[in-house]
């Protein structure tokens, strides 16, 4: 099963956003996000940001995923 993961937008270049995951930058499409800003928390599926979420919601989701043992939660 594939999940959309909460990720923090750290950089924007043209129509692309960049998130950091496991110490690496990943390029994502921001085509579905209105007026994205650095620091936004986004639900990301593959290379596509599908929606913006609040930081506290992102932290809750990451905590639940970490509790499941599938990933280590990283919040800034």
Protein backbone atom coordinates (compact mmCIF):
# COMPACT_ATOMS: atom_id res chain seq x y z
CA UNK A 1 0.00 0.00 0.00
CA UNK A 2 1.22 3.49 -0.80
CA UNK A 3 0.54 6.42 1.52
CA UNK A 4 0.71 10.15 1.08
CA UNK A 5 3.34 11.26 3.61
CA UNK A 6 3.54 14.59 5.43
CA UNK A 7 6.63 16.48 4.27
CA UNK A 8 7.83 20.01 4.93
CA UNK A 9 8.48 22.20 1.90
CA UNK A 10 12.05 23.48 2.24
CA UNK A 11 12.67 25.15 -1.13
CA UNK A 12 10.79 26.27 -4.23
CA UNK A 13 12.28 26.63 -7.70
CA UNK A 14 9.96 27.65 -10.51
CA UNK A 15 6.99 25.24 -10.38
CA UNK A 16 8.80 22.62 -8.32
CA UNK A 17 9.13 22.18 -4.60
CA UNK A 18 11.82 20.39 -2.65
CA UNK A 19 11.45 18.36 0.51
CA UNK A 20 14.15 16.67 2.58
CA UNK A 21 13.80 12.99 3.39
CA UNK A 22 16.49 10.76 4.88
CA UNK A 23 19.08 13.48 4.34
CA UNK A 24 18.34 13.93 0.62
CA UNK A 25 16.46 16.58 -1.34
CA UNK A 26 13.53 15.33 -3.40
CA UNK A 27 11.81 17.30 -6.13
CA UNK A 28 8.00 17.34 -6.06
CA UNK A 29 5.35 18.87 -8.28
CA UNK A 30 3.42 21.71 -6.65
CA UNK A 31 0.80 21.84 -9.43
CA UNK A 32 -2.09 20.99 -7.06
CA UNK A 33 -1.08 23.44 -4.29
CA UNK A 34 -2.32 27.04 -4.40
CA UNK A 35 0.31 29.60 -3.39
CA UNK A 36 2.85 27.23 -1.79
CA UNK A 37 5.33 28.70 0.69
CA UNK A 38 8.54 27.39 2.21
CA UNK A 39 7.65 25.87 5.58
CA UNK A 40 4.28 24.51 4.41
CA UNK A 41 3.50 20.94 5.40
CA UNK A 42 2.26 18.95 2.44
CA UNK A 43 0.86 15.48 1.92
CA UNK A 44 3.16 14.03 -0.73
CA UNK A 45 2.47 10.94 -2.82
CA UNK A 46 5.31 9.90 -5.08
CA UNK A 47 6.55 13.12 -6.66
CA UNK A 48 3.25 15.02 -6.24
CA UNK A 49 2.12 17.27 -3.39
CA UNK A 50 -1.59 16.50 -3.10
CA UNK A 51 -2.66 18.88 -0.30
CA UNK A 52 -1.49 21.28 2.38
CA UNK A 53 -1.96 20.35 6.06
CA UNK A 54 -1.33 22.04 9.39
CA UNK A 55 1.98 21.34 11.18
CA UNK A 56 0.22 19.76 14.18
CA UNK A 57 -1.68 17.38 11.89
CA UNK A 58 1.58 16.44 10.14
CA UNK A 59 3.19 15.73 13.53
CA UNK A 60 0.27 13.52 14.57
CA UNK A 61 0.39 11.53 11.32
CA UNK A 62 4.17 11.07 11.52
CA UNK A 63 3.86 9.98 15.14
CA UNK A 64 1.25 7.36 14.27
CA UNK A 65 3.40 6.05 11.42
CA UNK A 66 6.46 5.90 13.70
CA UNK A 67 4.45 4.02 16.33
CA UNK A 68 3.56 1.45 13.69
CA UNK A 69 7.29 0.77 13.27
CA UNK A 70 7.29 1.49 9.54
CA UNK A 71 9.35 4.70 9.52
CA UNK A 72 11.16 7.01 11.87
CA UNK A 73 9.22 10.24 12.41
CA UNK A 74 11.05 13.42 11.46
CA UNK A 75 9.57 16.80 12.32
CA UNK A 76 11.28 20.17 12.21
